[in-house]
Amino acid sequence: MMYESFAYLYDRLTDDIDYGKFLEFIEGQFHKHNLNAELVLELACGTGSLTKLLSQKGYDVIGLDASSDMLEVAREKCPDTLFINQDMTEFELYGTVDAIICCLDSVNYITDKRKLLKMFKLVNNYLNHGGLFIFDINSEYKLRNIIGNNCFVRNEEDIFYSWENELEKDRVNFYLTFFTKNKEGTFERFDEMHTERIYKESDMKELLKKANLIHTDTVYDFKSIKKSKKSERIFFVAMKE
């Protein structure tokens, strides 16, 4: 299973993520598309770090995630936010929203193209007319050349973390091993396995079109509209007519 025990270490081990840049990008797209977004759905909200920033900016946010452990952490950060424990390929809402976001390469975790199309169709179903869908993916370059078949290690006084990767044809498997110090001063081990699928830009555009969403922007590494072979994070913006 993914994001069980890891959920309670996630923020500490991902302290290099600049959530402010994600917020700035999202708000920039709202402004560019003249969208007065009030109600925002965040798919794969995780531990709620971005959720909190959005709430502090005055947005009414619904956070959705498949991991109950991640949501437990998120609720501590955002006690007044509605969180829903659902798979983002099968989610259900009681009404529509102004914008739907899905950040930090969560889309790469959907390894079945049919399920990803299903998710995009659900996005269309729950977006208000003129609403925006904003998401990002890890690029093919990043997954093949930076992450794939590499190993990363972090060693601190009370935690040891290793991340070994295995590159397959169109996906990368992440084998995560953690040793954490408990109250008795001994270390406990737990393991998780994650998989991300390698998607091309053309895949995203094709699926958005099939879901009747209008692709409006592709942005590389937060700011560039110029395609780069070495971009690591690619953002897609789509609109419901």
Protein backbone atom coordinates (compact mmCIF):
# COMPACT_ATOMS: atom_id res chain seq x y z
CA MET A 1 0.00 0.00 0.00
CA MET A 2 1.07 3.57 -0.66
CA TYR A 3 1.24 6.45 1.79
CA GLU A 4 0.47 4.59 4.99
CA SER A 5 3.33 4.97 7.51
CA PHE A 6 5.09 7.21 4.97
CA ALA A 7 2.24 9.73 5.32
CA TYR A 8 3.46 10.75 8.77
CA LEU A 9 6.99 11.36 7.47
CA TYR A 10 6.03 12.87 4.13
CA ASP A 11 6.31 16.55 5.07
CA ARG A 12 9.64 16.06 6.74
CA LEU A 13 11.15 14.14 3.83
CA THR A 14 9.77 16.51 1.18
CA ASP A 15 10.74 19.76 2.87
CA ASP A 16 12.29 20.95 -0.41
CA ILE A 17 8.90 21.31 -2.12
CA ASP A 18 8.03 24.96 -2.73
CA TYR A 19 4.25 24.92 -2.37
CA GLY A 20 4.24 28.68 -2.75
CA LYS A 21 5.33 28.28 -6.39
CA PHE A 22 2.40 25.96 -7.04
CA LEU A 23 0.02 28.47 -5.47
CA GLU A 24 1.50 31.29 -7.52
CA PHE A 25 1.15 29.28 -10.71
CA ILE A 26 -2.47 28.31 -9.99
CA GLU A 27 -3.50 31.86 -9.17
CA GLY A 28 -1.68 33.11 -12.26
CA GLN A 29 -3.78 30.79 -14.41
CA PHE A 30 -6.98 31.92 -12.67
CA HIS A 31 -6.04 35.50 -13.49
CA LYS A 32 -5.00 34.72 -17.07
CA HIS A 33 -8.30 33.00 -17.80
CA ASN A 34 -10.38 35.62 -15.94
CA LEU A 35 -11.70 32.95 -13.59
CA ASN A 36 -13.23 34.12 -10.33
CA ALA A 37 -12.65 30.83 -8.54
CA GLU A 38 -14.36 30.45 -5.20
CA LEU A 39 -14.76 26.69 -4.75
CA VAL A 40 -11.70 24.58 -5.62
CA LEU A 41 -11.34 20.80 -5.60
CA GLU A 42 -7.83 19.52 -4.95
CA LEU A 43 -7.35 15.96 -6.17
CA ALA A 44 -4.60 13.94 -4.43
CA CYS A 45 -4.29 16.65 -1.78
CA GLY A 46 -1.94 14.53 0.35
CA THR A 47 -1.03 16.05 3.69
CA GLY A 48 -2.78 19.31 2.86
CA SER A 49 0.17 21.68 2.51
CA LEU A 50 -1.15 23.27 -0.67
CA THR A 51 -4.70 23.01 0.65
CA LYS A 52 -3.71 25.17 3.59
CA LEU A 53 -2.15 27.85 1.39
CA LEU A 54 -5.23 27.96 -0.84
CA SER A 55 -7.49 28.27 2.21
CA GLN A 56 -5.38 31.07 3.61
CA LYS A 57 -5.82 32.93 0.30
CA GLY A 58 -9.59 32.79 0.75
CA TYR A 59 -10.55 29.86 -1.47
CA ASP A 60 -13.14 27.34 -0.29
CA VAL A 61 -11.25 24.08 -0.82
CA ILE A 62 -12.34 20.46 -0.91
CA GLY A 63 -9.41 18.09 -0.45
CA LEU A 64 -9.62 14.57 -1.86
CA ASP A 65 -7.14 11.73 -1.43
CA ALA A 66 -7.15 7.93 -1.51
CA SER A 67 -4.90 7.67 1.58
CA SER A 68 -6.71 7.98 4.90
CA ASP A 69 -3.33 8.41 6.61
CA MET A 70 -2.42 11.40 4.44
CA LEU A 71 -5.83 12.91 5.18
CA GLU A 72 -5.32 12.45 8.91
CA VAL A 73 -2.26 14.70 8.67
CA ALA A 74 -4.12 17.13 6.41
CA ARG A 75 -7.00 17.50 8.86
CA GLU A 76 -4.59 18.58 11.57
CA LYS A 77 -3.35 21.40 9.31
CA CYS A 78 -6.78 22.41 8.01
CA PRO A 79 -9.43 21.50 10.60
CA ASP A 80 -12.11 23.58 8.86
CA THR A 81 -11.60 22.05 5.40
CA LEU A 82 -13.78 19.31 3.94
CA PHE A 83 -11.66 16.28 3.12
CA ILE A 84 -12.93 13.26 1.21
CA ASN A 85 -11.29 9.84 1.27
CA GLN A 86 -11.78 8.70 -2.34
CA ASP A 87 -9.83 7.44 -5.33
CA MET A 88 -9.51 10.32 -7.79
CA THR A 89 -10.39 8.01 -10.69
CA GLU A 90 -13.79 7.29 -9.10
CA PHE A 91 -14.62 10.41 -7.10
CA GLU A 92 -18.12 11.73 -6.46
CA LEU A 93 -19.21 15.21 -5.37
CA TYR A 94 -22.58 16.67 -4.42
CA GLY A 95 -22.18 19.57 -6.83
CA THR A 96 -19.87 21.36 -9.22
CA VAL A 97 -16.77 23.47 -8.52
CA ASP A 98 -15.01 26.42 -10.16
CA ALA A 99 -11.59 24.78 -10.51
CA ILE A 100 -9.98 21.39 -10.07
CA ILE A 101 -6.27 21.03 -9.41
CA CYS A 102 -4.04 17.97 -9.18
CA CYS A 103 -0.42 18.74 -8.33
CA LEU A 104 2.94 17.12 -7.65
CA ASP A 105 2.83 14.54 -10.47
CA SER A 106 -0.13 12.71 -8.93
CA VAL A 107 -1.39 12.05 -12.47
CA ASN A 108 1.70 9.89 -13.12
CA TYR A 109 0.45 7.55 -10.40
CA ILE A 110 -2.53 6.62 -12.58
CA THR A 111 -0.80 3.96 -14.64
CA ASP A 112 -3.87 2.82 -16.60
CA LYS A 113 -4.74 5.20 -19.43
CA ARG A 114 -8.38 4.15 -19.32
CA LYS A 115 -8.61 5.14 -15.67
CA LEU A 116 -6.95 8.46 -16.40
CA LEU A 117 -9.50 9.15 -19.12
CA LYS A 118 -12.23 8.26 -16.64
CA MET A 119 -10.78 10.78 -14.19
CA PHE A 120 -10.65 13.50 -16.86
CA LYS A 121 -14.30 12.81 -17.70
CA LEU A 122 -15.20 13.13 -14.01
CA VAL A 123 -13.34 16.44 -13.94
CA ASN A 124 -15.47 17.61 -16.85
CA ASN A 125 -18.60 16.43 -15.08
CA TYR A 126 -17.89 18.34 -11.87
CA LEU A 127 -16.48 21.55 -13.32
CA ASN A 128 -18.66 24.60 -13.80
CA HIS A 129 -18.77 26.00 -17.33
CA GLY A 130 -15.68 28.12 -17.83
CA GLY A 131 -13.95 26.31 -14.96
CA LEU A 132 -10.30 25.30 -15.08
CA PHE A 133 -8.51 21.99 -14.64
CA ILE A 134 -4.83 22.45 -13.72
CA PHE A 135 -2.43 19.55 -13.25
CA ASP A 136 1.21 18.64 -13.71
CA ILE A 137 3.22 15.54 -14.56
CA ASN A 138 6.79 14.42 -14.14
CA SER A 139 8.23 14.65 -17.63
CA GLU A 140 9.49 11.69 -19.58
CA TYR A 141 12.98 13.19 -19.37
CA LYS A 142 12.85 13.36 -15.56
CA LEU A 143 11.49 9.86 -15.07
CA ARG A 144 13.92 8.25 -17.52
CA ASN A 145 17.09 10.23 -16.85
CA ILE A 146 16.92 11.67 -13.34
CA ILE A 147 14.79 9.22 -11.37
CA GLY A 148 14.90 6.00 -13.37
CA ASN A 149 17.35 3.29 -12.21
CA ASN A 150 18.85 5.62 -9.61
CA CYS A 151 19.00 5.40 -5.83
CA PHE A 152 18.61 8.23 -3.34
CA VAL A 153 19.48 8.06 0.36
CA ARG A 154 18.78 10.35 3.31
CA ASN A 155 20.41 9.63 6.66
CA GLU A 156 19.61 11.57 9.82
CA GLU A 157 19.93 10.87 13.52
CA ASP A 158 16.44 9.42 13.92
CA ILE A 159 15.59 8.32 10.38
CA PHE A 160 17.21 6.52 7.46
CA TYR A 161 15.47 6.57 4.10
CA SER A 162 16.43 4.87 0.84
CA TRP A 163 14.61 5.27 -2.48
CA GLU A 164 15.61 2.75 -5.15
CA ASN A 165 14.12 3.01 -8.62
CA GLU A 166 13.56 0.52 -11.41
CA LEU A 167 12.89 1.82 -14.91
CA GLU A 168 10.63 -0.31 -17.06
CA LYS A 169 9.38 0.36 -20.57
CA ASP A 170 6.82 3.03 -19.74
CA ARG A 171 6.96 3.32 -15.97
CA VAL A 172 9.24 3.62 -12.97
CA ASN A 173 8.86 1.59 -9.79
CA PHE A 174 9.94 3.26 -6.53
CA TYR A 175 11.05 0.96 -3.71
CA LEU A 176 11.07 2.95 -0.47
CA THR A 177 12.63 1.70 2.76
CA PHE A 178 12.47 3.59 6.05
CA PHE A 179 14.15 3.03 9.40
CA THR A 180 12.73 5.30 12.11
CA LYS A 181 13.80 5.57 15.75
CA ASN A 182 11.07 4.83 18.28
CA LYS A 183 10.69 5.93 21.92
CA GLU A 184 12.83 3.01 23.09
CA GLY A 185 15.71 4.22 20.94
CA THR A 186 15.58 1.30 18.53
CA PHE A 187 14.78 1.51 14.84
CA GLU A 188 11.66 0.20 13.15
CA ARG A 189 11.54 -0.63 9.45
CA PHE A 190 8.71 -0.20 6.97
CA ASP A 191 8.60 -0.41 3.19
CA GLU A 192 6.42 0.97 0.43
CA MET A 193 6.34 0.56 -3.33
CA HIS A 194 5.09 3.28 -5.67
CA THR A 195 4.82 3.35 -9.47
CA GLU A 196 4.64 6.29 -11.87
CA ARG A 197 3.80 5.92 -15.53
CA ILE A 198 5.73 7.83 -18.17
CA TYR A 199 3.34 9.97 -20.18
CA LYS A 200 4.06 12.10 -23.22
CA GLU A 201 2.55 15.53 -23.76
CA SER A 202 0.57 14.10 -26.66
CA ASP A 203 -1.02 11.57 -24.28
CA MET A 204 -2.36 14.34 -22.07
CA LYS A 205 -3.70 16.39 -24.96
CA GLU A 206 -5.38 13.35 -26.49
CA LEU A 207 -7.09 12.38 -23.21
CA LEU A 208 -8.22 15.94 -22.50
CA LYS A 209 -9.78 16.08 -25.96
CA LYS A 210 -11.56 12.75 -25.42
CA ALA A 211 -12.93 14.12 -22.15
CA ASN A 212 -14.28 17.20 -23.97
CA LEU A 213 -11.95 19.54 -22.09
CA ILE A 214 -10.32 22.37 -24.02
CA HIS A 215 -6.54 22.41 -23.62
CA THR A 216 -5.48 26.04 -23.22
CA ASP A 217 -1.89 26.00 -21.94
CA THR A 218 1.19 23.85 -21.52
CA VAL A 219 3.81 25.31 -19.18
CA TYR A 220 7.27 23.91 -18.47
CA ASP A 221 8.83 24.12 -15.00
CA PHE A 222 6.30 26.70 -13.75
CA LYS A 223 7.08 29.53 -16.14
CA SER A 224 8.16 28.69 -19.67
CA ILE A 225 5.80 28.16 -22.59
CA LYS A 226 8.79 27.20 -24.73
CA LYS A 227 9.24 23.46 -24.97
CA SER A 228 12.44 22.10 -23.49
CA LYS A 229 13.76 18.56 -23.81
CA LYS A 230 15.10 18.77 -20.26
CA SER A 231 12.04 20.19 -18.50
CA GLU A 232 11.24 18.15 -15.41
CA ARG A 233 7.69 19.23 -14.58
CA ILE A 234 5.04 19.96 -17.18
CA PHE A 235 1.79 21.76 -16.35
CA PHE A 236 -1.41 21.43 -18.35
CA VAL A 237 -4.34 23.79 -18.18
CA ALA A 238 -7.74 22.89 -19.58
CA MET A 239 -11.16 24.51 -19.56
CA LYS A 240 -14.73 23.30 -19.63
CA GLU A 241 -16.81 25.17 -22.21
